[in-house]
């Protein structure tokens, strides 16, 4: 009986933790997870860094 109670408690804690994490992650900004709006911020940043490096003397 104690083993069954421990198993049920363990399963309930796992489900609770997963549900809590899912709810927390669902509130994030959709733009953080990527998107289909066509903007590629990484390539724009890389181009800006390359331009800045080309403008530097040396």
Protein backbone atom coordinates (compact mmCIF):
# COMPACT_ATOMS: atom_id res chain seq x y z
CA UNK A 1 0.00 0.00 0.00
CA UNK A 2 2.85 2.40 0.84
CA UNK A 3 4.59 1.53 -2.43
CA UNK A 4 1.45 2.26 -4.42
CA UNK A 5 0.97 5.56 -2.60
CA UNK A 6 4.57 6.54 -3.29
CA UNK A 7 4.16 5.66 -6.98
CA UNK A 8 0.98 7.73 -7.27
CA UNK A 9 2.64 10.66 -5.48
CA UNK A 10 5.70 10.41 -7.75
CA UNK A 11 3.51 10.37 -10.90
CA UNK A 12 1.46 13.32 -9.63
CA UNK A 13 4.61 15.36 -8.98
CA UNK A 14 5.93 14.60 -12.48
CA UNK A 15 2.64 15.64 -14.10
CA UNK A 16 2.47 18.79 -11.97
CA UNK A 17 6.03 19.78 -12.88
CA UNK A 18 5.50 19.20 -16.59
CA UNK A 19 2.24 21.14 -16.59
CA UNK A 20 3.82 24.04 -14.69
CA UNK A 21 6.71 24.21 -17.16
CA UNK A 22 4.35 24.06 -20.13
CA UNK A 23 2.25 26.95 -18.79
CA UNK A 24 5.35 29.06 -18.14
CA UNK A 25 6.76 28.49 -21.63
CA UNK A 26 3.43 29.16 -23.36
CA UNK A 27 3.49 32.81 -22.25
CA UNK A 28 6.69 33.66 -24.12
CA UNK A 29 6.79 36.02 -27.04
CA UNK A 30 6.22 34.08 -30.27
CA UNK A 31 8.98 36.08 -31.97
CA UNK A 32 11.52 34.46 -29.64
CA UNK A 33 10.76 31.02 -31.01
CA UNK A 34 11.22 32.10 -34.62
CA UNK A 35 8.51 32.97 -37.01
CA UNK A 36 7.35 33.13 -40.57
CA UNK A 37 7.38 36.90 -40.98
CA UNK A 38 10.44 36.79 -43.26
CA UNK A 39 12.80 38.78 -41.05
CA UNK A 40 16.16 37.17 -40.43
CA UNK A 41 17.68 39.13 -37.58
CA UNK A 42 20.83 36.99 -37.49
CA UNK A 43 21.78 37.72 -41.09
CA UNK A 44 21.06 41.43 -40.61
CA UNK A 45 23.25 41.47 -37.51
CA UNK A 46 26.04 39.57 -39.27
CA UNK A 47 25.96 41.99 -42.22
CA UNK A 48 26.14 44.96 -39.85
CA UNK A 49 29.12 43.44 -38.04
CA UNK A 50 30.92 42.77 -41.32
CA UNK A 51 30.32 46.37 -42.46
CA UNK A 52 31.64 47.67 -39.14
CA UNK A 53 34.73 45.44 -39.39
CA UNK A 54 35.38 46.62 -42.96
CA UNK A 55 35.18 50.27 -41.87
CA UNK A 56 37.74 49.77 -39.10
CA UNK A 57 41.28 50.79 -39.92
CA UNK A 58 43.88 48.14 -39.62
